[in-house]
Amino acid sequence: AVKKLIQLDPNNDFAKTSLGEIQAVQGNYADAMKTMDSVVEKDPGNLNALYGVLSVGDMQGDPDVGLKRIEDIAKANPNNGNAQLVYADILLAQGKSGREDVLQKAMIRDPSNPGPFRVAALDASRSGLHDKAIQLAEASLAKDNNPETMSMVLDVIYQESLAKKDFSKAEHALQRKKDINPKEQNLESQYEALSEARSQK
């Protein structure tokens, strides 16, 4: 069915990455990598294909194959924020240095891509760099239109604002989350935590 879909629409990259995943599951690793590469060659920022390259390497029992391929793609496409983002994830997973530098360059070279800003904001948050995390999260929000990732970034702003005791900014982040998705599950508990924090001023 996937091959038929690709025949009908040869530009359907989602179908191609799905085919690559099926090929890998069937043990056809060379074909799977070739399929993923065909998508990456056309669109080096296709996250499904980039992570698919890593999956194919893992499934064939040689993760270094996928890691090396991603490193090559990132080096060949220094202005593509998504390629840099996946490469930064690899550096983190391998415990190698350079992740922050890769993300910084991605933000400069692909400034309209919210991904590197979002990941850098999460990294800053984990490092306890409240102001930096908020600044990067706000930069990510200005470029993003995906409700799911926007909500994630607003959580960073909320949490970091609470840590700084900037309750109005924390409340504003929650209001923006509510505007995006009024049925967000954790909003009620976040408002309660904010109320509790305010009462302990």
C-alpha atoms as a PDB file:
ATOM      1  CA  ALA A   1       0.000   0.000   0.000  1.00  0.00           C
ATOM      2  CA  VAL A   2       2.855   2.406   0.809  1.00  0.00           C
ATOM      3  CA  LYS A   3       4.652   1.623  -2.465  1.00  0.00           C
ATOM      4  CA  LYS A   4       1.401   2.263  -4.355  1.00  0.00           C
ATOM      5  CA  LEU A   5       1.030   5.604  -2.568  1.00  0.00           C
ATOM      6  CA  ILE A   6       4.576   6.569  -3.587  1.00  0.00           C
ATOM      7  CA  GLN A   7       3.822   5.594  -7.194  1.00  0.00           C
ATOM      8  CA  LEU A   8       0.756   7.849  -7.130  1.00  0.00           C
ATOM      9  CA  ASP A   9       2.642  10.678  -5.399  1.00  0.00           C
ATOM     10  CA  PRO A  10       6.433  10.392  -5.827  1.00  0.00           C
ATOM     11  CA  ASN A  11       6.918  13.563  -3.737  1.00  0.00           C
ATOM     12  CA  ASN A  12       5.216  12.114  -0.650  1.00  0.00           C
ATOM     13  CA  ASP A  13       8.173  12.114   1.756  1.00  0.00           C
ATOM     14  CA  PHE A  14       6.069  10.843   4.657  1.00  0.00           C
ATOM     15  CA  ALA A  15       5.182   7.741   2.624  1.00  0.00           C
ATOM     16  CA  LYS A  16       8.854   7.289   1.700  1.00  0.00           C
ATOM     17  CA  THR A  17      10.032   7.449   5.316  1.00  0.00           C
ATOM     18  CA  SER A  18       7.262   4.978   6.217  1.00  0.00           C
ATOM     19  CA  LEU A  19       8.529   2.673   3.471  1.00  0.00           C
ATOM     20  CA  GLY A  20      12.059   3.009   4.862  1.00  0.00           C
ATOM     21  CA  GLU A  21      10.817   2.007   8.309  1.00  0.00           C
ATOM     22  CA  ILE A  22       8.997  -1.024   6.857  1.00  0.00           C
ATOM     23  CA  GLN A  23      12.122  -2.042   4.928  1.00  0.00           C
ATOM     24  CA  ALA A  24      14.212  -1.809   8.115  1.00  0.00           C
ATOM     25  CA  VAL A  25      11.715  -3.893  10.101  1.00  0.00           C
ATOM     26  CA  GLN A  26      11.872  -6.507   7.330  1.00  0.00           C
ATOM     27  CA  GLY A  27      15.677  -6.552   7.617  1.00  0.00           C
ATOM     28  CA  ASN A  28      16.301  -4.801   4.282  1.00  0.00           C
ATOM     29  CA  TYR A  29      18.693  -2.301   5.859  1.00  0.00           C
ATOM     30  CA  ALA A  30      20.488  -1.211   2.691  1.00  0.00           C
ATOM     31  CA  ASP A  31      17.173  -0.461   0.967  1.00  0.00           C
ATOM     32  CA  ALA A  32      15.876   1.275   4.085  1.00  0.00           C
ATOM     33  CA  MET A  33      18.931   3.543   4.274  1.00  0.00           C
ATOM     34  CA  LYS A  34      18.678   4.261   0.539  1.00  0.00           C
ATOM     35  CA  THR A  35      15.001   5.214   0.974  1.00  0.00           C
ATOM     36  CA  MET A  36      15.767   7.511   3.921  1.00  0.00           C
ATOM     37  CA  ASP A  37      18.691   9.036   2.014  1.00  0.00           C
ATOM     38  CA  SER A  38      16.447   9.798  -0.973  1.00  0.00           C
ATOM     39  CA  VAL A  39      14.278  11.955   1.319  1.00  0.00           C
ATOM     40  CA  VAL A  40      17.254  13.609   3.052  1.00  0.00           C
ATOM     41  CA  GLU A  41      18.907  14.433  -0.275  1.00  0.00           C
ATOM     42  CA  LYS A  42      15.781  16.319  -1.311  1.00  0.00           C
ATOM     43  CA  ASP A  43      15.083  17.801   2.130  1.00  0.00           C
ATOM     44  CA  PRO A  44      18.023  17.640   4.561  1.00  0.00           C
ATOM     45  CA  GLY A  45      15.772  19.024   7.315  1.00  0.00           C
ATOM     46  CA  ASN A  46      13.141  16.273   7.180  1.00  0.00           C
ATOM     47  CA  LEU A  47      13.095  15.163  10.814  1.00  0.00           C
ATOM     48  CA  ASN A  48      11.293  11.878  10.057  1.00  0.00           C
ATOM     49  CA  ALA A  49      14.028  10.908   7.618  1.00  0.00           C
ATOM     50  CA  LEU A  50      16.876  12.121   9.838  1.00  0.00           C
ATOM     51  CA  TYR A  51      15.659  10.154  12.837  1.00  0.00           C
ATOM     52  CA  GLY A  52      14.833   7.320  10.428  1.00  0.00           C
ATOM     53  CA  VAL A  53      18.509   7.163   9.423  1.00  0.00           C
ATOM     54  CA  LEU A  54      19.390   6.696  13.100  1.00  0.00           C
ATOM     55  CA  SER A  55      16.703   4.025  13.526  1.00  0.00           C
ATOM     56  CA  VAL A  56      17.942   2.041  10.550  1.00  0.00           C
ATOM     57  CA  GLY A  57      21.455   2.021  12.004  1.00  0.00           C
ATOM     58  CA  ASP A  58      20.122   0.897  15.392  1.00  0.00           C
ATOM     59  CA  MET A  59      17.917  -1.815  13.865  1.00  0.00           C
ATOM     60  CA  GLN A  60      20.778  -3.311  11.888  1.00  0.00           C
ATOM     61  CA  GLY A  61      22.791  -3.513  15.099  1.00  0.00           C
ATOM     62  CA  ASP A  62      25.339  -0.902  14.055  1.00  0.00           C
ATOM     63  CA  PRO A  63      24.258   2.494  15.387  1.00  0.00           C
ATOM     64  CA  ASP A  64      27.555   4.030  14.224  1.00  0.00           C
ATOM     65  CA  VAL A  65      26.302   3.760  10.631  1.00  0.00           C
ATOM     66  CA  GLY A  66      23.360   6.065  11.350  1.00  0.00           C
ATOM     67  CA  LEU A  67      25.427   8.355  13.578  1.00  0.00           C
ATOM     68  CA  LYS A  68      28.104   8.799  10.915  1.00  0.00           C
ATOM     69  CA  ARG A  69      25.474   9.464   8.251  1.00  0.00           C
ATOM     70  CA  ILE A  70      23.819  12.173  10.399  1.00  0.00           C
ATOM     71  CA  GLU A  71      27.200  13.763  11.096  1.00  0.00           C
ATOM     72  CA  ASP A  72      27.878  13.861   7.326  1.00  0.00           C
ATOM     73  CA  ILE A  73      24.423  15.347   6.625  1.00  0.00           C
ATOM     74  CA  ALA A  74      24.907  18.033   9.305  1.00  0.00           C
ATOM     75  CA  LYS A  75      28.346  18.972   7.971  1.00  0.00           C
ATOM     76  CA  ALA A  76      27.034  19.129   4.382  1.00  0.00           C
ATOM     77  CA  ASN A  77      24.064  21.287   5.457  1.00  0.00           C
ATOM     78  CA  PRO A  78      25.387  23.785   8.026  1.00  0.00           C
ATOM     79  CA  ASN A  79      22.473  26.182   7.424  1.00  0.00           C
ATOM     80  CA  ASN A  80      19.752  23.609   8.072  1.00  0.00           C
ATOM     81  CA  GLY A  81      18.548  23.903  11.661  1.00  0.00           C
ATOM     82  CA  ASN A  82      16.857  20.494  11.734  1.00  0.00           C
ATOM     83  CA  ALA A  83      19.970  18.657  10.517  1.00  0.00           C
ATOM     84  CA  GLN A  84      21.983  20.489  13.174  1.00  0.00           C
ATOM     85  CA  LEU A  85      19.363  19.699  15.806  1.00  0.00           C
ATOM     86  CA  VAL A  86      19.573  15.949  15.202  1.00  0.00           C
ATOM     87  CA  TYR A  87      23.374  16.156  15.201  1.00  0.00           C
ATOM     88  CA  ALA A  88      23.221  18.014  18.541  1.00  0.00           C
ATOM     89  CA  ASP A  89      21.025  15.206  19.919  1.00  0.00           C
ATOM     90  CA  ILE A  90      23.675  12.687  18.875  1.00  0.00           C
ATOM     91  CA  LEU A  91      26.404  14.646  20.640  1.00  0.00           C
ATOM     92  CA  LEU A  92      24.316  14.616  23.812  1.00  0.00           C
ATOM     93  CA  ALA A  93      23.562  10.897  23.543  1.00  0.00           C
ATOM     94  CA  GLN A  94      27.252  10.108  23.054  1.00  0.00           C
ATOM     95  CA  GLY A  95      28.320  12.375  25.904  1.00  0.00           C
ATOM     96  CA  LYS A  96      30.444  14.436  23.519  1.00  0.00           C
ATOM     97  CA  SER A  97      31.031  18.141  23.813  1.00  0.00           C
ATOM     98  CA  GLY A  98      29.974  20.660  21.191  1.00  0.00           C
ATOM     99  CA  ARG A  99      26.180  20.439  21.518  1.00  0.00           C
ATOM    100  CA  GLU A 100      25.794  24.051  22.662  1.00  0.00           C
ATOM    101  CA  ASP A 101      28.038  25.271  19.841  1.00  0.00           C
ATOM    102  CA  VAL A 102      26.065  23.294  17.232  1.00  0.00           C
ATOM    103  CA  LEU A 103      22.765  24.724  18.514  1.00  0.00           C
ATOM    104  CA  GLN A 104      24.185  28.266  18.647  1.00  0.00           C
ATOM    105  CA  LYS A 105      25.326  28.047  15.022  1.00  0.00           C
ATOM    106  CA  ALA A 106      21.966  26.566  13.996  1.00  0.00           C
ATOM    107  CA  MET A 107      20.136  29.521  15.585  1.00  0.00           C
ATOM    108  CA  ILE A 108      22.342  31.944  13.656  1.00  0.00           C
ATOM    109  CA  ARG A 109      22.315  30.105  10.334  1.00  0.00           C
ATOM    110  CA  ASP A 110      18.634  29.084  10.333  1.00  0.00           C
ATOM    111  CA  PRO A 111      17.026  31.866  12.390  1.00  0.00           C
ATOM    112  CA  SER A 112      13.441  31.174  11.265  1.00  0.00           C
ATOM    113  CA  ASN A 113      13.544  27.559  12.541  1.00  0.00           C
ATOM    114  CA  PRO A 114      12.114  27.329  16.083  1.00  0.00           C
ATOM    115  CA  GLY A 115      13.633  23.879  16.772  1.00  0.00           C
ATOM    116  CA  PRO A 116      17.172  24.866  17.764  1.00  0.00           C
ATOM    117  CA  PHE A 117      15.835  27.709  19.934  1.00  0.00           C
ATOM    118  CA  ARG A 118      13.402  25.317  21.649  1.00  0.00           C
ATOM    119  CA  VAL A 119      16.057  22.691  22.372  1.00  0.00           C
ATOM    120  CA  ALA A 120      18.545  25.317  23.575  1.00  0.00           C
ATOM    121  CA  ALA A 121      15.831  26.693  25.894  1.00  0.00           C
ATOM    122  CA  LEU A 122      15.256  23.221  27.359  1.00  0.00           C
ATOM    123  CA  ASP A 123      19.010  22.759  27.802  1.00  0.00           C
ATOM    124  CA  ALA A 124      19.298  26.143  29.554  1.00  0.00           C
ATOM    125  CA  SER A 125      16.369  25.240  31.787  1.00  0.00           C
ATOM    126  CA  ARG A 126      18.005  21.960  32.801  1.00  0.00           C
ATOM    127  CA  SER A 127      21.173  23.923  33.607  1.00  0.00           C
ATOM    128  CA  GLY A 128      19.283  26.360  35.846  1.00  0.00           C
ATOM    129  CA  LEU A 129      19.909  29.330  33.542  1.00  0.00           C
ATOM    130  CA  HIS A 130      16.494  30.933  34.085  1.00  0.00           C
ATOM    131  CA  ASP A 131      16.917  34.141  32.074  1.00  0.00           C
ATOM    132  CA  LYS A 132      18.588  32.390  29.146  1.00  0.00           C
ATOM    133  CA  ALA A 133      15.922  29.683  29.089  1.00  0.00           C
ATOM    134  CA  ILE A 134      13.136  32.281  28.999  1.00  0.00           C
ATOM    135  CA  GLN A 135      14.877  34.331  26.306  1.00  0.00           C
ATOM    136  CA  LEU A 136      15.406  31.284  24.070  1.00  0.00           C
ATOM    137  CA  ALA A 137      11.882  29.987  24.710  1.00  0.00           C
ATOM    138  CA  GLU A 138      10.394  33.335  23.715  1.00  0.00           C
ATOM    139  CA  ALA A 139      12.528  33.357  20.554  1.00  0.00           C
ATOM    140  CA  SER A 140      11.235  29.872  19.739  1.00  0.00           C
ATOM    141  CA  LEU A 141       7.619  30.919  20.301  1.00  0.00           C
ATOM    142  CA  ALA A 142       7.983  33.861  17.927  1.00  0.00           C
ATOM    143  CA  LYS A 143       8.841  31.442  15.115  1.00  0.00           C
ATOM    144  CA  ASP A 144       6.553  28.505  15.961  1.00  0.00           C
ATOM    145  CA  ASN A 145       3.008  27.678  14.879  1.00  0.00           C
ATOM    146  CA  ASN A 146       2.786  24.109  16.177  1.00  0.00           C
ATOM    147  CA  PRO A 147       0.453  24.043  19.218  1.00  0.00           C
ATOM    148  CA  GLU A 148       2.208  21.037  20.773  1.00  0.00           C
ATOM    149  CA  THR A 149       5.706  22.515  20.698  1.00  0.00           C
ATOM    150  CA  MET A 150       4.395  25.960  21.629  1.00  0.00           C
ATOM    151  CA  SER A 151       2.809  24.451  24.731  1.00  0.00           C
ATOM    152  CA  MET A 152       6.094  22.749  25.622  1.00  0.00           C
ATOM    153  CA  VAL A 153       7.980  26.034  25.316  1.00  0.00           C
ATOM    154  CA  LEU A 154       5.361  27.896  27.349  1.00  0.00           C
ATOM    155  CA  ASP A 155       5.936  25.304  30.086  1.00  0.00           C
ATOM    156  CA  VAL A 156       9.610  26.333  30.109  1.00  0.00           C
ATOM    157  CA  ILE A 157       8.653  30.004  30.447  1.00  0.00           C
ATOM    158  CA  TYR A 158       6.169  29.162  33.210  1.00  0.00           C
ATOM    159  CA  GLN A 159       8.636  27.030  35.190  1.00  0.00           C
ATOM    160  CA  GLU A 160      11.541  29.429  34.831  1.00  0.00           C
ATOM    161  CA  SER A 161       9.344  32.410  35.725  1.00  0.00           C
ATOM    162  CA  LEU A 162       8.166  30.589  38.852  1.00  0.00           C
ATOM    163  CA  ALA A 163      11.792  29.893  39.774  1.00  0.00           C
ATOM    164  CA  LYS A 164      12.520  33.625  39.434  1.00  0.00           C
ATOM    165  CA  LYS A 165       9.329  34.490  41.336  1.00  0.00           C
ATOM    166  CA  ASP A 166       8.102  36.459  38.312  1.00  0.00           C
ATOM    167  CA  PHE A 167       4.512  35.427  38.888  1.00  0.00           C
ATOM    168  CA  SER A 168       2.954  37.734  36.306  1.00  0.00           C
ATOM    169  CA  LYS A 169       5.150  36.247  33.558  1.00  0.00           C
ATOM    170  CA  ALA A 170       4.304  32.730  34.786  1.00  0.00           C
ATOM    171  CA  GLU A 171       0.590  33.569  34.684  1.00  0.00           C
ATOM    172  CA  HIS A 172       0.939  35.081  31.218  1.00  0.00           C
ATOM    173  CA  ALA A 173       2.578  31.834  29.987  1.00  0.00           C
ATOM    174  CA  LEU A 174      -0.337  29.821  31.387  1.00  0.00           C
ATOM    175  CA  GLN A 175      -2.846  32.137  29.740  1.00  0.00           C
ATOM    176  CA  ARG A 176      -1.100  31.664  26.399  1.00  0.00           C
ATOM    177  CA  LYS A 177      -1.196  27.883  26.909  1.00  0.00           C
ATOM    178  CA  LYS A 178      -4.904  28.123  27.665  1.00  0.00           C
ATOM    179  CA  ASP A 179      -5.445  30.184  24.502  1.00  0.00           C
ATOM    180  CA  ILE A 180      -3.696  27.496  22.456  1.00  0.00           C
ATOM    181  CA  ASN A 181      -5.485  24.560  24.086  1.00  0.00           C
ATOM    182  CA  PRO A 182      -8.161  25.283  26.714  1.00  0.00           C
ATOM    183  CA  LYS A 183      -8.388  21.550  27.502  1.00  0.00           C
ATOM    184  CA  GLU A 184      -4.680  21.207  28.342  1.00  0.00           C
ATOM    185  CA  GLN A 185      -4.576  18.590  31.090  1.00  0.00           C
ATOM    186  CA  ASN A 186      -2.021  20.082  33.436  1.00  0.00           C
ATOM    187  CA  LEU A 187      -3.255  23.689  33.346  1.00  0.00           C
ATOM    188  CA  GLU A 188      -5.316  23.358  36.507  1.00  0.00           C
ATOM    189  CA  SER A 189      -2.419  21.994  38.546  1.00  0.00           C
ATOM    190  CA  GLN A 190      -0.104  24.667  37.132  1.00  0.00           C
ATOM    191  CA  TYR A 191      -2.523  27.421  38.158  1.00  0.00           C
ATOM    192  CA  GLU A 192      -2.712  25.847  41.637  1.00  0.00           C
ATOM    193  CA  ALA A 193       1.092  25.780  41.908  1.00  0.00           C
ATOM    194  CA  LEU A 194       1.221  29.415  40.829  1.00  0.00           C
ATOM    195  CA  SER A 195      -1.375  30.376  43.436  1.00  0.00           C
ATOM    196  CA  GLU A 196       0.572  28.498  46.115  1.00  0.00           C
ATOM    197  CA  ALA A 197       3.831  30.185  45.111  1.00  0.00           C
ATOM    198  CA  ARG A 198       2.206  33.619  45.231  1.00  0.00           C
ATOM    199  CA  SER A 199       0.824  32.967  48.722  1.00  0.00           C
ATOM    200  CA  GLN A 200       4.332  32.198  50.001  1.00  0.00           C
ATOM    201  CA  LYS A 201       5.845  35.523  48.840  1.00  0.00           C
END
